[in-house]
Full PDB file with SEQRES, HELIX, SHEET, SSBOND, CRYST1, ORIGX, SCALE, CONECT and MASTER records, all heavy atoms in Angstrom:
SEQRES   1 A   39  GLU ASP ALA ARG ALA ALA LEU GLU ALA MET ARG ALA ALA          
SEQRES   2 A   39  GLU GLU ALA ALA ARG ARG PRO PRO THR PRO PRO GLU PRO          
SEQRES   3 A   39  THR ASN THR GLU ARG SER ALA LEU SER PRO THR ASP SER          
HELIX    1 AA1 ASP A    2  ARG A   18  1                                  17    
HELIX    2 AA2 ASN A   28  ALA A   33  1                                   6    
CRYST1    1.000    1.000    1.000  90.00  90.00  90.00 P 1           1          
ORIGX1      1.000000  0.000000  0.000000        0.00000                         
ORIGX2      0.000000  1.000000  0.000000        0.00000                         
ORIGX3      0.000000  0.000000  1.000000        0.00000                         
SCALE1      1.000000  0.000000  0.000000        0.00000                         
SCALE2      0.000000  1.000000  0.000000        0.00000                         
SCALE3      0.000000  0.000000  1.000000        0.00000                         
ATOM      1  N   GLU A   1      37.679   1.115  -5.250  1.00  0.00           N  
ATOM      2  CA  GLU A   1      36.484   0.355  -5.623  1.00  0.00           C  
ATOM      3  C   GLU A   1      35.815  -0.270  -4.404  1.00  0.00           C  
ATOM      4  O   GLU A   1      34.581  -0.267  -4.292  1.00  0.00           O  
ATOM      5  CB  GLU A   1      36.868  -0.727  -6.637  1.00  0.00           C  
ATOM      6  CG  GLU A   1      37.323  -0.177  -7.986  1.00  0.00           C  
ATOM      7  CD  GLU A   1      37.783  -1.276  -8.920  1.00  0.00           C  
ATOM      8  OE1 GLU A   1      37.813  -2.445  -8.464  1.00  0.00           O  
ATOM      9  OE2 GLU A   1      38.121  -0.971 -10.081  1.00  0.00           O  
ATOM     10  N   ASP A   2      36.608  -0.789  -3.471  1.00  0.00           N  
ATOM     11  CA  ASP A   2      36.018  -1.373  -2.260  1.00  0.00           C  
ATOM     12  C   ASP A   2      35.316  -0.308  -1.423  1.00  0.00           C  
ATOM     13  O   ASP A   2      34.223  -0.551  -0.878  1.00  0.00           O  
ATOM     14  CB  ASP A   2      37.113  -2.054  -1.427  1.00  0.00           C  
ATOM     15  CG  ASP A   2      37.692  -3.274  -2.126  1.00  0.00           C  
ATOM     16  OD1 ASP A   2      37.027  -3.778  -3.064  1.00  0.00           O  
ATOM     17  OD2 ASP A   2      38.810  -3.701  -1.764  1.00  0.00           O  
ATOM     18  N   ALA A   3      35.943   0.868  -1.320  1.00  0.00           N  
ATOM     19  CA  ALA A   3      35.303   1.947  -0.552  1.00  0.00           C  
ATOM     20  C   ALA A   3      34.009   2.401  -1.218  1.00  0.00           C  
ATOM     21  O   ALA A   3      32.998   2.656  -0.547  1.00  0.00           O  
ATOM     22  CB  ALA A   3      36.270   3.120  -0.402  1.00  0.00           C  
ATOM     23  N   ARG A   4      34.024   2.479  -2.561  1.00  0.00           N  
ATOM     24  CA  ARG A   4      32.810   2.876  -3.274  1.00  0.00           C  
ATOM     25  C   ARG A   4      31.704   1.829  -3.098  1.00  0.00           C  
ATOM     26  O   ARG A   4      30.532   2.171  -2.885  1.00  0.00           O  
ATOM     27  CB  ARG A   4      33.132   3.072  -4.760  1.00  0.00           C  
ATOM     28  CG  ARG A   4      32.007   3.750  -5.537  1.00  0.00           C  
ATOM     29  CD  ARG A   4      32.379   3.936  -6.990  1.00  0.00           C  
ATOM     30  NE  ARG A   4      33.602   4.715  -7.139  1.00  0.00           N  
ATOM     31  CZ  ARG A   4      34.762   4.220  -7.555  1.00  0.00           C  
ATOM     32  NH1 ARG A   4      34.857   2.945  -7.869  1.00  0.00           N  
ATOM     33  NH2 ARG A   4      35.810   5.005  -7.675  1.00  0.00           N  
ATOM     34  N   ALA A   5      32.081   0.553  -3.189  1.00  0.00           N  
ATOM     35  CA  ALA A   5      31.080  -0.505  -3.006  1.00  0.00           C  
ATOM     36  C   ALA A   5      30.510  -0.500  -1.587  1.00  0.00           C  
ATOM     37  O   ALA A   5      29.308  -0.694  -1.385  1.00  0.00           O  
ATOM     38  CB  ALA A   5      31.696  -1.867  -3.320  1.00  0.00           C  
ATOM     39  N   ALA A   6      31.379  -0.271  -0.589  1.00  0.00           N  
ATOM     40  CA  ALA A   6      30.894  -0.213   0.791  1.00  0.00           C  
ATOM     41  C   ALA A   6      29.953   0.969   0.993  1.00  0.00           C  
ATOM     42  O   ALA A   6      28.929   0.861   1.694  1.00  0.00           O  
ATOM     43  CB  ALA A   6      32.081  -0.128   1.751  1.00  0.00           C  
ATOM     44  N   LEU A   7      30.273   2.106   0.368  1.00  0.00           N  
ATOM     45  CA  LEU A   7      29.400   3.274   0.485  1.00  0.00           C  
ATOM     46  C   LEU A   7      28.046   3.028  -0.171  1.00  0.00           C  
ATOM     47  O   LEU A   7      26.990   3.379   0.384  1.00  0.00           O  
ATOM     48  CB  LEU A   7      30.089   4.488  -0.146  1.00  0.00           C  
ATOM     49  CG  LEU A   7      29.334   5.824  -0.075  1.00  0.00           C  
ATOM     50  CD1 LEU A   7      29.077   6.211   1.379  1.00  0.00           C  
ATOM     51  CD2 LEU A   7      30.126   6.915  -0.786  1.00  0.00           C  
ATOM     52  N   GLU A   8      28.034   2.390  -1.353  1.00  0.00           N  
ATOM     53  CA  GLU A   8      26.771   2.080  -2.016  1.00  0.00           C  
ATOM     54  C   GLU A   8      25.944   1.092  -1.203  1.00  0.00           C  
ATOM     55  O   GLU A   8      24.714   1.218  -1.107  1.00  0.00           O  
ATOM     56  CB  GLU A   8      27.046   1.518  -3.411  1.00  0.00           C  
ATOM     57  CG  GLU A   8      27.636   2.546  -4.378  1.00  0.00           C  
ATOM     58  CD  GLU A   8      27.967   1.934  -5.717  1.00  0.00           C  
ATOM     59  OE1 GLU A   8      27.802   0.694  -5.836  1.00  0.00           O  
ATOM     60  OE2 GLU A   8      28.396   2.673  -6.624  1.00  0.00           O  
ATOM     61  N   ALA A   9      26.603   0.093  -0.603  1.00  0.00           N  
ATOM     62  CA  ALA A   9      25.874  -0.862   0.235  1.00  0.00           C  
ATOM     63  C   ALA A   9      25.271  -0.174   1.457  1.00  0.00           C  
ATOM     64  O   ALA A   9      24.140  -0.476   1.869  1.00  0.00           O  
ATOM     65  CB  ALA A   9      26.808  -1.990   0.659  1.00  0.00           C  
ATOM     66  N   MET A  10      26.004   0.782   2.028  1.00  0.00           N  
ATOM     67  CA  MET A  10      25.485   1.507   3.177  1.00  0.00           C  
ATOM     68  C   MET A  10      24.270   2.347   2.788  1.00  0.00           C  
ATOM     69  O   MET A  10      23.261   2.394   3.515  1.00  0.00           O  
ATOM     70  CB  MET A  10      26.591   2.400   3.763  1.00  0.00           C  
ATOM     71  CG  MET A  10      26.228   3.067   5.073  1.00  0.00           C  
ATOM     72  SD  MET A  10      27.561   4.133   5.652  1.00  0.00           S  
ATOM     73  CE  MET A  10      28.873   2.914   5.791  1.00  0.00           C  
ATOM     74  N   ARG A  11      24.364   3.004   1.628  1.00  0.00           N  
ATOM     75  CA  ARG A  11      23.219   3.805   1.178  1.00  0.00           C  
ATOM     76  C   ARG A  11      22.008   2.922   0.898  1.00  0.00           C  
ATOM     77  O   ARG A  11      20.871   3.283   1.223  1.00  0.00           O  
ATOM     78  CB  ARG A  11      23.601   4.586  -0.074  1.00  0.00           C  
ATOM     79  CG  ARG A  11      24.590   5.719   0.193  1.00  0.00           C  
ATOM     80  CD  ARG A  11      24.989   6.385  -1.098  1.00  0.00           C  
ATOM     81  NE  ARG A  11      25.924   7.481  -0.860  1.00  0.00           N  
ATOM     82  CZ  ARG A  11      26.521   8.179  -1.837  1.00  0.00           C  
ATOM     83  NH1 ARG A  11      26.260   7.866  -3.113  1.00  0.00           N  
ATOM     84  NH2 ARG A  11      27.352   9.142  -1.529  1.00  0.00           N  
ATOM     85  N   ALA A  12      22.234   1.759   0.264  1.00  0.00           N  
ATOM     86  CA  ALA A  12      21.122   0.853  -0.005  1.00  0.00           C  
ATOM     87  C   ALA A  12      20.478   0.361   1.285  1.00  0.00           C  
ATOM     88  O   ALA A  12      19.251   0.236   1.380  1.00  0.00           O  
ATOM     89  CB  ALA A  12      21.609  -0.331  -0.838  1.00  0.00           C  
ATOM     90  N   ALA A  13      21.290   0.100   2.305  1.00  0.00           N  
ATOM     91  CA  ALA A  13      20.737  -0.344   3.591  1.00  0.00           C  
ATOM     92  C   ALA A  13      19.924   0.760   4.242  1.00  0.00           C  
ATOM     93  O   ALA A  13      18.861   0.508   4.834  1.00  0.00           O  
ATOM     94  CB  ALA A  13      21.867  -0.796   4.518  1.00  0.00           C  
ATOM     95  N   GLU A  14      20.401   2.002   4.145  1.00  0.00           N  
ATOM     96  CA  GLU A  14      19.638   3.120   4.720  1.00  0.00           C  
ATOM     97  C   GLU A  14      18.317   3.304   3.991  1.00  0.00           C  
ATOM     98  O   GLU A  14      17.263   3.538   4.618  1.00  0.00           O  
ATOM     99  CB  GLU A  14      20.471   4.399   4.647  1.00  0.00           C  
ATOM    100  CG  GLU A  14      21.689   4.394   5.562  1.00  0.00           C  
ATOM    101  CD  GLU A  14      22.528   5.637   5.413  1.00  0.00           C  
ATOM    102  OE1 GLU A  14      22.189   6.469   4.529  1.00  0.00           O  
ATOM    103  OE2 GLU A  14      23.501   5.792   6.172  1.00  0.00           O  
ATOM    104  N   GLU A  15      18.331   3.198   2.655  1.00  0.00           N  
ATOM    105  CA  GLU A  15      17.081   3.323   1.903  1.00  0.00           C  
ATOM    106  C   GLU A  15      16.108   2.195   2.240  1.00  0.00           C  
ATOM    107  O   GLU A  15      14.896   2.408   2.360  1.00  0.00           O  
ATOM    108  CB  GLU A  15      17.376   3.334   0.404  1.00  0.00           C  
ATOM    109  CG  GLU A  15      18.126   4.574  -0.059  1.00  0.00           C  
ATOM    110  CD  GLU A  15      18.450   4.526  -1.540  1.00  0.00           C  
ATOM    111  OE1 GLU A  15      18.093   3.493  -2.166  1.00  0.00           O  
ATOM    112  OE2 GLU A  15      19.047   5.486  -2.046  1.00  0.00           O  
ATOM    113  N   ALA A  16      16.631   0.981   2.403  1.00  0.00           N  
ATOM    114  CA  ALA A  16      15.762  -0.136   2.766  1.00  0.00           C  
ATOM    115  C   ALA A  16      15.169   0.048   4.154  1.00  0.00           C  
ATOM    116  O   ALA A  16      14.029  -0.345   4.423  1.00  0.00           O  
ATOM    117  CB  ALA A  16      16.539  -1.444   2.696  1.00  0.00           C  
ATOM    118  N   ALA A  17      15.925   0.680   5.066  1.00  0.00           N  
ATOM    119  CA  ALA A  17      15.403   0.916   6.412  1.00  0.00           C  
ATOM    120  C   ALA A  17      14.316   1.993   6.402  1.00  0.00           C  
ATOM    121  O   ALA A  17      13.363   1.930   7.193  1.00  0.00           O  
ATOM    122  CB  ALA A  17      16.535   1.318   7.345  1.00  0.00           C  
ATOM    123  N   ARG A  18      14.450   2.994   5.524  1.00  0.00           N  
ATOM    124  CA  ARG A  18      13.427   4.050   5.444  1.00  0.00           C  
ATOM    125  C   ARG A  18      12.161   3.566   4.746  1.00  0.00           C  
ATOM    126  O   ARG A  18      11.077   4.076   5.005  1.00  0.00           O  
ATOM    127  CB  ARG A  18      13.991   5.261   4.688  1.00  0.00           C  
ATOM    128  CG  ARG A  18      15.145   5.951   5.371  1.00  0.00           C  
ATOM    129  CD  ARG A  18      15.400   7.303   4.750  1.00  0.00           C  
ATOM    130  NE  ARG A  18      16.709   7.834   5.128  1.00  0.00           N  
ATOM    131  CZ  ARG A  18      17.772   7.784   4.357  1.00  0.00           C  
ATOM    132  NH1 ARG A  18      17.682   7.222   3.156  1.00  0.00           N  
ATOM    133  NH2 ARG A  18      18.922   8.268   4.770  1.00  0.00           N  
ATOM    134  N   ARG A  19      12.274   2.602   3.831  1.00  0.00           N  
ATOM    135  CA  ARG A  19      11.123   2.150   3.061  1.00  0.00           C  
ATOM    136  C   ARG A  19      10.165   1.362   3.956  1.00  0.00           C  
ATOM    137  O   ARG A  19      10.589   0.485   4.703  1.00  0.00           O  
ATOM    138  CB  ARG A  19      11.607   1.284   1.906  1.00  0.00           C  
ATOM    139  CG  ARG A  19      10.513   0.950   0.878  1.00  0.00           C  
ATOM    140  CD  ARG A  19      11.116   0.088  -0.210  1.00  0.00           C  
ATOM    141  NE  ARG A  19      12.302   0.735  -0.768  1.00  0.00           N  
ATOM    142  CZ  ARG A  19      13.361   0.072  -1.205  1.00  0.00           C  
ATOM    143  NH1 ARG A  19      13.386  -1.255  -1.096  1.00  0.00           N  
ATOM    144  NH2 ARG A  19      14.382   0.726  -1.716  1.00  0.00           N  
ATOM    145  N   PRO A  20       8.834   1.661   3.918  1.00  0.00           N  
ATOM    146  CA  PRO A  20       7.882   0.925   4.776  1.00  0.00           C  
ATOM    147  C   PRO A  20       7.772  -0.521   4.306  1.00  0.00           C  
ATOM    148  O   PRO A  20       7.888  -0.814   3.117  1.00  0.00           O  
ATOM    149  CB  PRO A  20       6.574   1.690   4.580  1.00  0.00           C  
ATOM    150  CG  PRO A  20       6.720   2.366   3.253  1.00  0.00           C  
ATOM    151  CD  PRO A  20       8.178   2.699   3.119  1.00  0.00           C  
ATOM    152  N   PRO A  21       7.554  -1.450   5.231  1.00  0.00           N  
ATOM    153  CA  PRO A  21       7.437  -2.868   4.844  1.00  0.00           C  
ATOM    154  C   PRO A  21       6.169  -3.111   4.039  1.00  0.00           C  
ATOM    155  O   PRO A  21       5.105  -2.553   4.323  1.00  0.00           O  
ATOM    156  CB  PRO A  21       7.408  -3.605   6.173  1.00  0.00           C  
ATOM    157  CG  PRO A  21       6.916  -2.596   7.160  1.00  0.00           C  
ATOM    158  CD  PRO A  21       7.419  -1.265   6.690  1.00  0.00           C  
ATOM    159  N   THR A  22       6.286  -3.940   3.015  1.00  0.00           N  
ATOM    160  CA  THR A  22       5.131  -4.281   2.178  1.00  0.00           C  
ATOM    161  C   THR A  22       4.311  -5.349   2.859  1.00  0.00           C  
ATOM    162  O   THR A  22       4.856  -6.299   3.441  1.00  0.00           O  
ATOM    163  CB  THR A  22       5.609  -4.788   0.811  1.00  0.00           C  
ATOM    164  OG1 THR A  22       6.461  -5.905   1.009  1.00  0.00           O  
ATOM    165  CG2 THR A  22       6.379  -3.698   0.068  1.00  0.00           C  
ATOM    166  N   PRO A  23       2.961  -5.221   2.857  1.00  0.00           N  
ATOM    167  CA  PRO A  23       2.125  -6.250   3.525  1.00  0.00           C  
ATOM    168  C   PRO A  23       2.204  -7.562   2.784  1.00  0.00           C  
ATOM    169  O   PRO A  23       2.264  -7.600   1.555  1.00  0.00           O  
ATOM    170  CB  PRO A  23       0.721  -5.647   3.456  1.00  0.00           C  
ATOM    171  CG  PRO A  23       0.771  -4.715   2.287  1.00  0.00           C  
ATOM    172  CD  PRO A  23       2.162  -4.159   2.258  1.00  0.00           C  
ATOM    173  N   PRO A  24       2.238  -8.669   3.505  1.00  0.00           N  
ATOM    174  CA  PRO A  24       2.320  -9.976   2.844  1.00  0.00           C  
ATOM    175  C   PRO A  24       0.995 -10.340   2.191  1.00  0.00           C  
ATOM    176  O   PRO A  24      -0.065  -9.810   2.519  1.00  0.00           O  
ATOM    177  CB  PRO A  24       2.657 -10.929   3.988  1.00  0.00           C  
ATOM    178  CG  PRO A  24       2.094 -10.268   5.205  1.00  0.00           C  
ATOM    179  CD  PRO A  24       2.235  -8.790   4.976  1.00  0.00           C  
ATOM    180  N   GLU A  25       1.049 -11.259   1.269  1.00  0.00           N  
ATOM    181  CA  GLU A  25      -0.146 -11.753   0.593  1.00  0.00           C  
ATOM    182  C   GLU A  25      -1.002 -12.574   1.560  1.00  0.00           C  
ATOM    183  O   GLU A  25      -0.463 -13.285   2.424  1.00  0.00           O  
ATOM    184  CB  GLU A  25       0.260 -12.611  -0.610  1.00  0.00           C  
ATOM    185  CG  GLU A  25       0.938 -11.848  -1.714  1.00  0.00           C  
ATOM    186  CD  GLU A  25      -0.011 -10.885  -2.404  1.00  0.00           C  
ATOM    187  OE1 GLU A  25      -1.234 -11.175  -2.399  1.00  0.00           O  
ATOM    188  OE2 GLU A  25       0.456  -9.851  -2.931  1.00  0.00           O  
ATOM    189  N   PRO A  26      -2.329 -12.482   1.468  1.00  0.00           N  
ATOM    190  CA  PRO A  26      -3.179 -13.283   2.367  1.00  0.00           C  
ATOM    191  C   PRO A  26      -3.053 -14.771   2.073  1.00  0.00           C  
ATOM    192  O   PRO A  26      -2.831 -15.185   0.946  1.00  0.00           O  
ATOM    193  CB  PRO A  26      -4.594 -12.775   2.061  1.00  0.00           C  
ATOM    194  CG  PRO A  26      -4.493 -12.215   0.690  1.00  0.00           C  
ATOM    195  CD  PRO A  26      -3.105 -11.643   0.569  1.00  0.00           C  
ATOM    196  N   THR A  27      -3.183 -15.555   3.114  1.00  0.00           N  
ATOM    197  CA  THR A  27      -3.091 -17.008   2.969  1.00  0.00           C  
ATOM    198  C   THR A  27      -4.370 -17.559   2.369  1.00  0.00           C  
ATOM    199  O   THR A  27      -5.377 -16.853   2.213  1.00  0.00           O  
ATOM    200  CB  THR A  27      -2.815 -17.649   4.325  1.00  0.00           C  
ATOM    201  OG1 THR A  27      -3.914 -17.347   5.198  1.00  0.00           O  
ATOM    202  CG2 THR A  27      -1.540 -17.080   4.948  1.00  0.00           C  
ATOM    203  N   ASN A  28      -4.350 -18.849   2.053  1.00  0.00           N  
ATOM    204  CA  ASN A  28      -5.532 -19.501   1.476  1.00  0.00           C  
ATOM    205  C   ASN A  28      -6.712 -19.487   2.435  1.00  0.00           C  
ATOM    206  O   ASN A  28      -7.877 -19.340   2.035  1.00  0.00           O  
ATOM    207  CB  ASN A  28      -5.203 -20.931   1.075  1.00  0.00           C  
ATOM    208  CG  ASN A  28      -4.169 -20.978  -0.046  1.00  0.00           C  
ATOM    209  OD1 ASN A  28      -4.116 -20.039  -0.846  1.00  0.00           O  
ATOM    210  ND2 ASN A  28      -3.390 -22.042  -0.090  1.00  0.00           N  
ATOM    211  N   THR A  29      -6.409 -19.651   3.734  1.00  0.00           N  
ATOM    212  CA  THR A  29      -7.504 -19.630   4.720  1.00  0.00           C  
ATOM    213  C   THR A  29      -8.171 -18.276   4.771  1.00  0.00           C  
ATOM    214  O   THR A  29      -9.401 -18.149   4.841  1.00  0.00           O  
ATOM    215  CB  THR A  29      -6.952 -20.004   6.096  1.00  0.00           C  
ATOM    216  OG1 THR A  29      -6.284 -21.258   6.012  1.00  0.00           O  
ATOM    217  CG2 THR A  29      -8.060 -20.096   7.137  1.00  0.00           C  
ATOM    218  N   GLU A  30      -7.316 -17.216   4.754  1.00  0.00           N  
ATOM    219  CA  GLU A  30      -7.875 -15.863   4.780  1.00  0.00           C  
ATOM    220  C   GLU A  30      -8.652 -15.575   3.518  1.00  0.00           C  
ATOM    221  O   GLU A  30      -9.682 -14.890   3.536  1.00  0.00           O  
ATOM    222  CB  GLU A  30      -6.753 -14.849   4.978  1.00  0.00           C  
ATOM    223  CG  GLU A  30      -6.086 -14.968   6.345  1.00  0.00           C  
ATOM    224  CD  GLU A  30      -4.852 -14.096   6.436  1.00  0.00           C  
ATOM    225  OE1 GLU A  30      -4.419 -13.604   5.373  1.00  0.00           O  
ATOM    226  OE2 GLU A  30      -4.316 -13.920   7.549  1.00  0.00           O  
ATOM    227  N   ARG A  31      -8.166 -16.064   2.382  1.00  0.00           N  
ATOM    228  CA  ARG A  31      -8.874 -15.838   1.132  1.00  0.00           C  
ATOM    229  C   ARG A  31     -10.233 -16.545   1.118  1.00  0.00           C  
ATOM    230  O   ARG A  31     -11.228 -16.043   0.610  1.00  0.00           O  
ATOM    231  CB  ARG A  31      -8.022 -16.324  -0.040  1.00  0.00           C  
ATOM    232  CG  ARG A  31      -6.850 -15.406  -0.341  1.00  0.00           C  
ATOM    233  CD  ARG A  31      -5.992 -15.995  -1.437  1.00  0.00           C  
ATOM    234  NE  ARG A  31      -4.863 -15.135  -1.734  1.00  0.00           N  
ATOM    235  CZ  ARG A  31      -3.881 -15.462  -2.561  1.00  0.00           C  
ATOM    236  NH1 ARG A  31      -3.903 -16.649  -3.158  1.00  0.00           N  
ATOM    237  NH2 ARG A  31      -2.901 -14.617  -2.771  1.00  0.00           N  
ATOM    238  N   SER A  32     -10.262 -17.774   1.680  1.00  0.00           N  
ATOM    239  CA  SER A  32     -11.534 -18.500   1.716  1.00  0.00           C  
ATOM    240  C   SER A  32     -12.537 -17.847   2.643  1.00  0.00           C  
ATOM    241  O   SER A  32     -13.749 -17.963   2.478  1.00  0.00           O  
ATOM    242  CB  SER A  32     -11.300 -19.946   2.140  1.00  0.00           C  
ATOM    243  OG  SER A  32     -10.758 -19.970   3.440  1.00  0.00           O  
ATOM    244  N   ALA A  33     -12.021 -17.157   3.692  1.00  0.00           N  
ATOM    245  CA  ALA A  33     -12.930 -16.480   4.621  1.00  0.00           C  
ATOM    246  C   ALA A  33     -13.559 -15.249   3.997  1.00  0.00           C  
ATOM    247  O   ALA A  33     -14.595 -14.771   4.452  1.00  0.00           O  
ATOM    248  CB  ALA A  33     -12.204 -16.109   5.906  1.00  0.00           C  
ATOM    249  N   LEU A  34     -12.966 -14.724   2.962  1.00  0.00           N  
ATOM    250  CA  LEU A  34     -13.488 -13.549   2.289  1.00  0.00           C  
ATOM    251  C   LEU A  34     -14.392 -13.981   1.153  1.00  0.00           C  
ATOM    252  O   LEU A  34     -14.223 -15.030   0.556  1.00  0.00           O  
ATOM    253  CB  LEU A  34     -12.341 -12.680   1.754  1.00  0.00           C  
ATOM    254  CG  LEU A  34     -11.389 -12.073   2.801  1.00  0.00           C  
ATOM    255  CD1 LEU A  34     -10.241 -11.398   2.105  1.00  0.00           C  
ATOM    256  CD2 LEU A  34     -12.134 -11.108   3.713  1.00  0.00           C  
ATOM    257  N   SER A  35     -15.332 -13.146   0.810  1.00  0.00           N  
ATOM    258  CA  SER A  35     -16.181 -13.427  -0.340  1.00  0.00           C  
ATOM    259  C   SER A  35     -15.408 -13.155  -1.605  1.00  0.00           C  
ATOM    260  O   SER A  35     -14.402 -12.451  -1.593  1.00  0.00           O  
ATOM    261  CB  SER A  35     -17.441 -12.546  -0.271  1.00  0.00           C  
ATOM    262  OG  SER A  35     -17.076 -11.173  -0.323  1.00  0.00           O  
ATOM    263  N   PRO A  36     -15.840 -13.698  -2.731  1.00  0.00           N  
ATOM    264  CA  PRO A  36     -15.103 -13.488  -3.975  1.00  0.00           C  
ATOM    265  C   PRO A  36     -14.989 -12.032  -4.350  1.00  0.00           C  
ATOM    266  O   PRO A  36     -14.023 -11.639  -4.980  1.00  0.00           O  
ATOM    267  CB  PRO A  36     -15.924 -14.279  -5.005  1.00  0.00           C  
ATOM    268  CG  PRO A  36     -16.669 -15.277  -4.213  1.00  0.00           C  
ATOM    269  CD  PRO A  36     -16.951 -14.641  -2.904  1.00  0.00           C  
ATOM    270  N   THR A  37     -15.966 -11.228  -3.961  1.00  0.00           N  
ATOM    271  CA  THR A  37     -15.906  -9.809  -4.349  1.00  0.00           C  
ATOM    272  C   THR A  37     -15.183  -8.961  -3.344  1.00  0.00           C  
ATOM    273  O   THR A  37     -14.871  -7.808  -3.616  1.00  0.00           O  
ATOM    274  CB  THR A  37     -17.329  -9.271  -4.518  1.00  0.00           C  
ATOM    275  OG1 THR A  37     -18.036  -9.457  -3.285  1.00  0.00           O  
ATOM    276  CG2 THR A  37     -18.048 -10.000  -5.644  1.00  0.00           C  
ATOM    277  N   ASP A  38     -14.936  -9.551  -2.143  1.00  0.00           N  
ATOM    278  CA  ASP A  38     -14.265  -8.752  -1.115  1.00  0.00           C  
ATOM    279  C   ASP A  38     -12.762  -8.754  -1.342  1.00  0.00           C  
ATOM    280  O   ASP A  38     -12.198  -9.666  -1.934  1.00  0.00           O  
ATOM    281  CB  ASP A  38     -14.563  -9.320   0.279  1.00  0.00           C  
ATOM    282  CG  ASP A  38     -16.030  -9.111   0.648  1.00  0.00           C  
ATOM    283  OD1 ASP A  38     -16.646  -8.222   0.038  1.00  0.00           O  
ATOM    284  OD2 ASP A  38     -16.515  -9.864   1.521  1.00  0.00           O  
ATOM    285  N   SER A  39     -12.126  -7.749  -0.825  1.00  0.00           N  
ATOM    286  CA  SER A  39     -10.673  -7.641  -0.847  1.00  0.00           C  
ATOM    287  C   SER A  39     -10.169  -7.631   0.584  1.00  0.00           C  
ATOM    288  O   SER A  39     -10.933  -7.363   1.510  1.00  0.00           O  
ATOM    289  CB  SER A  39     -10.233  -6.367  -1.567  1.00  0.00           C  
ATOM    290  OG  SER A  39     -10.746  -5.232  -0.900  1.00  0.00           O  
TER     291      SER A  39                                                      
MASTER        0    0    0    2    0    0    0    6  290    1    0    3          
END                                                                             
């Protein structure tokens, strides 16, 4: 069970490394600088 758990953790870490980082949400200042219709 420990070996299986270690293998699953290793696979999850590899998948997380391959996945591109998600862009963070804009801050309030950035949102205020944009118009209401702009993204």
